[in-house]
Amino acid sequence: REAVVSTQSTGKVKRLKHSKRVLSFYEKNFGFRRPFNILVDGTFTMAALKGRVDILLQVTKYFGGEISVATTHCALRECFTLGPKLSGAHKILKKFKRHKCGHENASLDASAVSPQ
């Protein structure tokens, strides 16, 4: 018997192979090493919330191993400043560890609140 492979599973395999190839390139050429440090902001977190995506689970799968997810005080301040539209993203961001961004003023990202 021949195994029937659905197009969905071959798409996932291609995506994983491509991500491994890209990560390998960055490890070899730019000195990236595991565990990768992933920095997330309010816009990314809001998109993950809308898509009902578990950030830690999916990013860990994509990077194929141990990762460290962090956010910045500016990203938290941005979510808080933009109000109730990003309150869910703000709650999620508060769970991650904080990384110092090295500047005083936070710029507000208008794409986070643009209607879609």
N, C-alpha and C. Protein backbone atom coordinates (compact mmCIF):
# COMPACT_ATOMS: atom_id res chain seq x y z
N ARG A 1 0.82 -1.18 0.00
CA ARG A 1 0.00 0.00 0.00
C ARG A 1 0.87 1.25 0.00
N GLU A 2 0.40 2.25 -0.71
CA GLU A 2 1.10 3.53 -0.72
C GLU A 2 0.48 4.45 0.31
N ALA A 3 1.30 5.16 0.99
CA ALA A 3 0.80 6.11 1.98
C ALA A 3 0.32 7.36 1.24
N VAL A 4 -0.87 7.80 1.58
CA VAL A 4 -1.42 9.00 0.98
C VAL A 4 -1.08 10.18 1.87
N VAL A 5 -0.43 11.17 1.29
CA VAL A 5 -0.02 12.34 2.04
C VAL A 5 -0.90 13.50 1.59
N SER A 6 -1.54 14.13 2.54
CA SER A 6 -2.40 15.26 2.20
C SER A 6 -1.55 16.48 1.88
N THR A 7 -2.13 17.40 1.12
CA THR A 7 -1.39 18.61 0.76
C THR A 7 -1.15 19.48 1.99
N GLN A 8 -2.01 19.37 2.98
CA GLN A 8 -1.82 20.16 4.19
C GLN A 8 -0.56 19.73 4.92
N SER A 9 -0.33 18.43 5.05
CA SER A 9 0.86 17.97 5.77
C SER A 9 2.13 18.25 4.98
N THR A 10 2.09 18.19 3.64
CA THR A 10 3.30 18.50 2.87
C THR A 10 3.61 19.99 2.97
N GLY A 11 2.58 20.83 3.09
CA GLY A 11 2.80 22.26 3.28
C GLY A 11 3.49 22.53 4.59
N LYS A 12 3.07 21.81 5.63
CA LYS A 12 3.69 21.98 6.94
C LYS A 12 5.14 21.53 6.91
N VAL A 13 5.41 20.43 6.22
CA VAL A 13 6.77 19.91 6.13
C VAL A 13 7.65 20.91 5.40
N LYS A 14 7.14 21.48 4.30
CA LYS A 14 7.92 22.46 3.55
C LYS A 14 8.22 23.69 4.40
N ARG A 15 7.22 24.14 5.16
CA ARG A 15 7.40 25.31 6.01
C ARG A 15 8.44 25.04 7.09
N LEU A 16 8.38 23.86 7.71
CA LEU A 16 9.36 23.52 8.75
C LEU A 16 10.77 23.40 8.19
N LYS A 17 10.89 22.79 7.02
CA LYS A 17 12.21 22.68 6.39
C LYS A 17 12.77 24.06 6.07
N HIS A 18 11.90 24.93 5.57
CA HIS A 18 12.34 26.28 5.23
C HIS A 18 12.78 27.03 6.48
N SER A 19 12.01 26.92 7.55
CA SER A 19 12.37 27.63 8.79
C SER A 19 13.68 27.09 9.35
N LYS A 20 13.88 25.78 9.28
CA LYS A 20 15.15 25.21 9.76
C LYS A 20 16.32 25.71 8.93
N ARG A 21 16.11 25.83 7.62
CA ARG A 21 17.16 26.31 6.74
C ARG A 21 17.51 27.77 7.06
N VAL A 22 16.50 28.59 7.27
CA VAL A 22 16.73 30.00 7.59
C VAL A 22 17.42 30.14 8.95
N LEU A 23 16.96 29.40 9.95
CA LEU A 23 17.59 29.45 11.27
C LEU A 23 19.04 28.99 11.20
N SER A 24 19.30 27.96 10.44
CA SER A 24 20.67 27.47 10.27
C SER A 24 21.56 28.55 9.64
N PHE A 25 21.02 29.25 8.66
CA PHE A 25 21.76 30.35 8.02
C PHE A 25 22.16 31.41 9.05
N TYR A 26 21.20 31.83 9.89
CA TYR A 26 21.49 32.85 10.90
C TYR A 26 22.45 32.33 11.96
N GLU A 27 22.36 31.06 12.30
CA GLU A 27 23.30 30.50 13.29
C GLU A 27 24.72 30.50 12.74
N LYS A 28 24.87 30.10 11.49
CA LYS A 28 26.21 29.98 10.90
C LYS A 28 26.82 31.34 10.55
N ASN A 29 26.02 32.26 10.03
CA ASN A 29 26.56 33.51 9.51
C ASN A 29 26.54 34.68 10.48
N PHE A 30 25.64 34.67 11.42
CA PHE A 30 25.53 35.82 12.32
C PHE A 30 25.73 35.45 13.78
N GLY A 31 26.04 34.20 14.08
CA GLY A 31 26.35 33.80 15.44
C GLY A 31 25.15 33.66 16.36
N PHE A 32 23.96 33.52 15.79
CA PHE A 32 22.79 33.28 16.65
C PHE A 32 22.98 31.92 17.31
N ARG A 33 22.51 31.81 18.53
CA ARG A 33 22.61 30.52 19.22
C ARG A 33 21.36 30.29 20.06
N ARG A 34 21.16 29.05 20.37
CA ARG A 34 19.99 28.65 21.14
C ARG A 34 20.27 28.85 22.62
N PRO A 35 19.32 29.14 23.44
CA PRO A 35 17.92 29.40 23.14
C PRO A 35 17.77 30.78 22.50
N PHE A 36 16.93 30.86 21.47
CA PHE A 36 16.68 32.13 20.79
C PHE A 36 15.86 33.04 21.69
N ASN A 37 16.20 34.32 21.67
CA ASN A 37 15.45 35.32 22.41
C ASN A 37 14.46 35.98 21.46
N ILE A 38 13.20 35.84 21.75
CA ILE A 38 12.14 36.38 20.89
C ILE A 38 11.53 37.57 21.62
N LEU A 39 11.49 38.72 20.95
CA LEU A 39 10.93 39.93 21.51
C LEU A 39 9.57 40.18 20.86
N VAL A 40 8.51 40.25 21.66
CA VAL A 40 7.17 40.46 21.12
C VAL A 40 6.64 41.81 21.59
N ASP A 41 5.77 42.39 20.75
CA ASP A 41 5.16 43.67 21.08
C ASP A 41 3.64 43.54 21.08
N GLY A 42 2.96 44.64 21.29
CA GLY A 42 1.51 44.63 21.38
C GLY A 42 0.83 44.25 20.08
N THR A 43 1.37 44.69 18.95
CA THR A 43 0.77 44.39 17.65
C THR A 43 0.81 42.88 17.38
N PHE A 44 1.96 42.26 17.62
CA PHE A 44 2.10 40.82 17.42
C PHE A 44 1.17 40.06 18.36
N THR A 45 1.14 40.48 19.61
CA THR A 45 0.31 39.81 20.60
C THR A 45 -1.17 39.97 20.27
N MET A 46 -1.57 41.13 19.78
CA MET A 46 -2.97 41.35 19.41
C MET A 46 -3.35 40.46 18.22
N ALA A 47 -2.46 40.33 17.24
CA ALA A 47 -2.72 39.45 16.09
C ALA A 47 -2.84 38.00 16.55
N ALA A 48 -1.98 37.58 17.48
CA ALA A 48 -2.05 36.22 18.01
C ALA A 48 -3.34 36.01 18.78
N LEU A 49 -3.77 37.02 19.50
CA LEU A 49 -5.01 36.93 20.27
C LEU A 49 -6.22 36.82 19.33
N LYS A 50 -6.23 37.62 18.28
CA LYS A 50 -7.33 37.55 17.30
C LYS A 50 -7.37 36.20 16.61
N GLY A 51 -6.20 35.64 16.31
CA GLY A 51 -6.12 34.35 15.65
C GLY A 51 -6.18 33.17 16.61
N ARG A 52 -6.35 33.46 17.89
CA ARG A 52 -6.40 32.43 18.94
C ARG A 52 -5.18 31.51 18.90
N VAL A 53 -4.02 32.14 18.83
CA VAL A 53 -2.75 31.42 18.74
C VAL A 53 -2.05 31.50 20.09
N ASP A 54 -1.61 30.35 20.59
CA ASP A 54 -0.80 30.31 21.81
C ASP A 54 0.63 30.65 21.41
N ILE A 55 1.08 31.84 21.78
CA ILE A 55 2.38 32.34 21.33
C ILE A 55 3.51 31.40 21.72
N LEU A 56 3.58 31.03 22.99
CA LEU A 56 4.70 30.17 23.44
C LEU A 56 4.72 28.84 22.73
N LEU A 57 3.57 28.21 22.60
CA LEU A 57 3.51 26.89 21.96
C LEU A 57 3.90 26.95 20.49
N GLN A 58 3.31 27.88 19.76
CA GLN A 58 3.55 27.94 18.32
C GLN A 58 4.95 28.43 17.97
N VAL A 59 5.46 29.40 18.71
CA VAL A 59 6.80 29.90 18.43
C VAL A 59 7.84 28.84 18.78
N THR A 60 7.60 28.10 19.84
CA THR A 60 8.51 27.00 20.20
C THR A 60 8.52 25.95 19.10
N LYS A 61 7.36 25.61 18.57
CA LYS A 61 7.30 24.64 17.47
C LYS A 61 8.04 25.16 16.25
N TYR A 62 7.83 26.43 15.92
CA TYR A 62 8.43 27.00 14.72
C TYR A 62 9.95 27.03 14.82
N PHE A 63 10.45 27.42 15.97
CA PHE A 63 11.90 27.51 16.15
C PHE A 63 12.53 26.16 16.50
N GLY A 64 11.72 25.16 16.74
CA GLY A 64 12.22 23.82 16.93
C GLY A 64 13.05 23.62 18.17
N GLY A 65 12.69 24.23 19.24
CA GLY A 65 13.45 24.02 20.46
C GLY A 65 13.18 25.08 21.50
N GLU A 66 14.12 25.20 22.39
CA GLU A 66 13.96 26.11 23.51
C GLU A 66 14.07 27.57 23.05
N ILE A 67 13.16 28.40 23.55
CA ILE A 67 13.18 29.81 23.24
C ILE A 67 12.96 30.60 24.53
N SER A 68 13.25 31.87 24.45
CA SER A 68 12.99 32.78 25.57
C SER A 68 12.18 33.94 25.00
N VAL A 69 10.94 34.12 25.47
CA VAL A 69 10.07 35.18 24.98
C VAL A 69 10.09 36.32 25.98
N ALA A 70 10.27 37.53 25.46
CA ALA A 70 10.31 38.72 26.30
C ALA A 70 9.57 39.86 25.63
N THR A 71 9.31 40.89 26.39
CA THR A 71 8.71 42.11 25.89
C THR A 71 9.45 43.28 26.51
N THR A 72 9.09 44.48 26.15
CA THR A 72 9.73 45.66 26.71
C THR A 72 8.72 46.48 27.51
N HIS A 73 9.24 47.34 28.36
CA HIS A 73 8.37 48.24 29.10
C HIS A 73 7.62 49.17 28.15
N CYS A 74 8.27 49.53 27.06
CA CYS A 74 7.63 50.41 26.07
C CYS A 74 6.44 49.72 25.41
N ALA A 75 6.57 48.43 25.12
CA ALA A 75 5.45 47.69 24.51
C ALA A 75 4.29 47.61 25.49
N LEU A 76 4.58 47.39 26.75
CA LEU A 76 3.53 47.37 27.77
C LEU A 76 2.86 48.73 27.89
N ARG A 77 3.67 49.78 27.90
CA ARG A 77 3.14 51.13 28.00
C ARG A 77 2.28 51.47 26.78
N GLU A 78 2.73 51.03 25.61
CA GLU A 78 1.98 51.26 24.38
C GLU A 78 0.58 50.62 24.46
N CYS A 79 0.53 49.37 24.89
CA CYS A 79 -0.77 48.68 25.01
C CYS A 79 -1.66 49.36 26.02
N PHE A 80 -1.07 49.78 27.13
CA PHE A 80 -1.86 50.44 28.16
C PHE A 80 -2.38 51.79 27.67
N THR A 81 -1.54 52.53 26.96
CA THR A 81 -1.91 53.86 26.46
C THR A 81 -3.00 53.78 25.41
N LEU A 82 -2.97 52.77 24.57
CA LEU A 82 -3.96 52.65 23.50
C LEU A 82 -5.32 52.19 24.01
N GLY A 83 -5.40 51.85 25.26
CA GLY A 83 -6.68 51.63 25.90
C GLY A 83 -7.29 50.25 25.74
N PRO A 84 -8.63 50.21 25.80
CA PRO A 84 -9.33 48.93 25.86
C PRO A 84 -9.18 48.05 24.62
N LYS A 85 -8.83 48.66 23.48
CA LYS A 85 -8.66 47.84 22.26
C LYS A 85 -7.54 46.82 22.43
N LEU A 86 -6.54 47.17 23.22
CA LEU A 86 -5.39 46.28 23.40
C LEU A 86 -5.27 45.76 24.82
N SER A 87 -6.35 45.76 25.57
CA SER A 87 -6.27 45.30 26.96
C SER A 87 -5.94 43.81 27.03
N GLY A 88 -6.46 43.01 26.11
CA GLY A 88 -6.13 41.58 26.09
C GLY A 88 -4.67 41.34 25.79
N ALA A 89 -4.15 42.09 24.82
CA ALA A 89 -2.73 41.98 24.48
C ALA A 89 -1.87 42.42 25.66
N HIS A 90 -2.31 43.44 26.38
CA HIS A 90 -1.57 43.94 27.54
C HIS A 90 -1.49 42.86 28.63
N LYS A 91 -2.59 42.15 28.86
CA LYS A 91 -2.60 41.09 29.87
C LYS A 91 -1.65 39.96 29.49
N ILE A 92 -1.62 39.63 28.19
CA ILE A 92 -0.71 38.57 27.73
C ILE A 92 0.74 39.02 27.86
N LEU A 93 1.03 40.25 27.45
CA LEU A 93 2.41 40.75 27.52
C LEU A 93 2.94 40.79 28.94
N LYS A 94 2.07 41.05 29.91
CA LYS A 94 2.52 41.12 31.31
C LYS A 94 3.06 39.78 31.80
N LYS A 95 2.71 38.68 31.14
CA LYS A 95 3.18 37.36 31.56
C LYS A 95 4.64 37.11 31.17
N PHE A 96 5.13 37.83 30.16
CA PHE A 96 6.49 37.61 29.68
C PHE A 96 7.48 38.43 30.49
N LYS A 97 8.74 38.00 30.46
CA LYS A 97 9.75 38.76 31.18
C LYS A 97 10.04 40.06 30.43
N ARG A 98 10.55 41.06 31.16
CA ARG A 98 10.79 42.39 30.59
C ARG A 98 12.24 42.52 30.16
N HIS A 99 12.42 43.17 29.03
CA HIS A 99 13.75 43.47 28.51
C HIS A 99 13.88 44.99 28.44
N LYS A 100 14.99 45.51 28.93
CA LYS A 100 15.19 46.96 28.88
C LYS A 100 15.48 47.38 27.45
N CYS A 101 14.76 48.41 27.00
CA CYS A 101 14.90 48.84 25.61
C CYS A 101 15.93 49.96 25.45
N GLY A 102 16.32 50.63 26.50
CA GLY A 102 17.42 51.59 26.43
C GLY A 102 17.04 52.99 25.97
N HIS A 103 15.78 53.35 26.01
CA HIS A 103 15.40 54.72 25.69
C HIS A 103 14.23 55.15 26.58
N GLU A 104 13.96 56.43 26.58
CA GLU A 104 12.94 56.97 27.48
C GLU A 104 11.55 56.97 26.86
N ASN A 105 11.42 57.45 25.64
CA ASN A 105 10.11 57.65 25.03
C ASN A 105 9.68 56.47 24.18
N ALA A 106 8.43 56.09 24.33
CA ALA A 106 7.87 54.99 23.52
C ALA A 106 7.07 55.60 22.38
N SER A 107 7.29 55.10 21.17
CA SER A 107 6.47 55.56 20.06
C SER A 107 5.25 54.66 19.95
N LEU A 108 4.11 55.25 19.64
CA LEU A 108 2.88 54.48 19.51
C LEU A 108 2.77 53.96 18.09
N ASP A 109 2.46 52.71 17.97
CA ASP A 109 2.33 52.06 16.68
C ASP A 109 0.88 52.18 16.23
N ALA A 110 0.63 52.97 15.19
CA ALA A 110 -0.74 53.20 14.73
C ALA A 110 -1.33 51.96 14.06
N SER A 111 -0.50 51.07 13.56
CA SER A 111 -1.03 49.87 12.89
C SER A 111 -1.74 48.95 13.87
N ALA A 112 -1.48 49.08 15.16
CA ALA A 112 -2.09 48.21 16.14
C ALA A 112 -3.59 48.49 16.30
N VAL A 113 -4.00 49.71 16.03
CA VAL A 113 -5.39 50.07 16.23
C VAL A 113 -6.12 50.40 14.94
N SER A 114 -5.48 50.16 13.80
CA SER A 114 -6.14 50.47 12.54
C SER A 114 -7.26 49.47 12.28
N PRO A 115 -8.39 49.94 11.76
CA PRO A 115 -9.51 49.03 11.50
C PRO A 115 -9.20 48.10 10.36
N GLN A 116 -9.65 46.85 10.49
CA GLN A 116 -9.38 45.87 9.44
C GLN A 116 -10.65 45.23 8.98
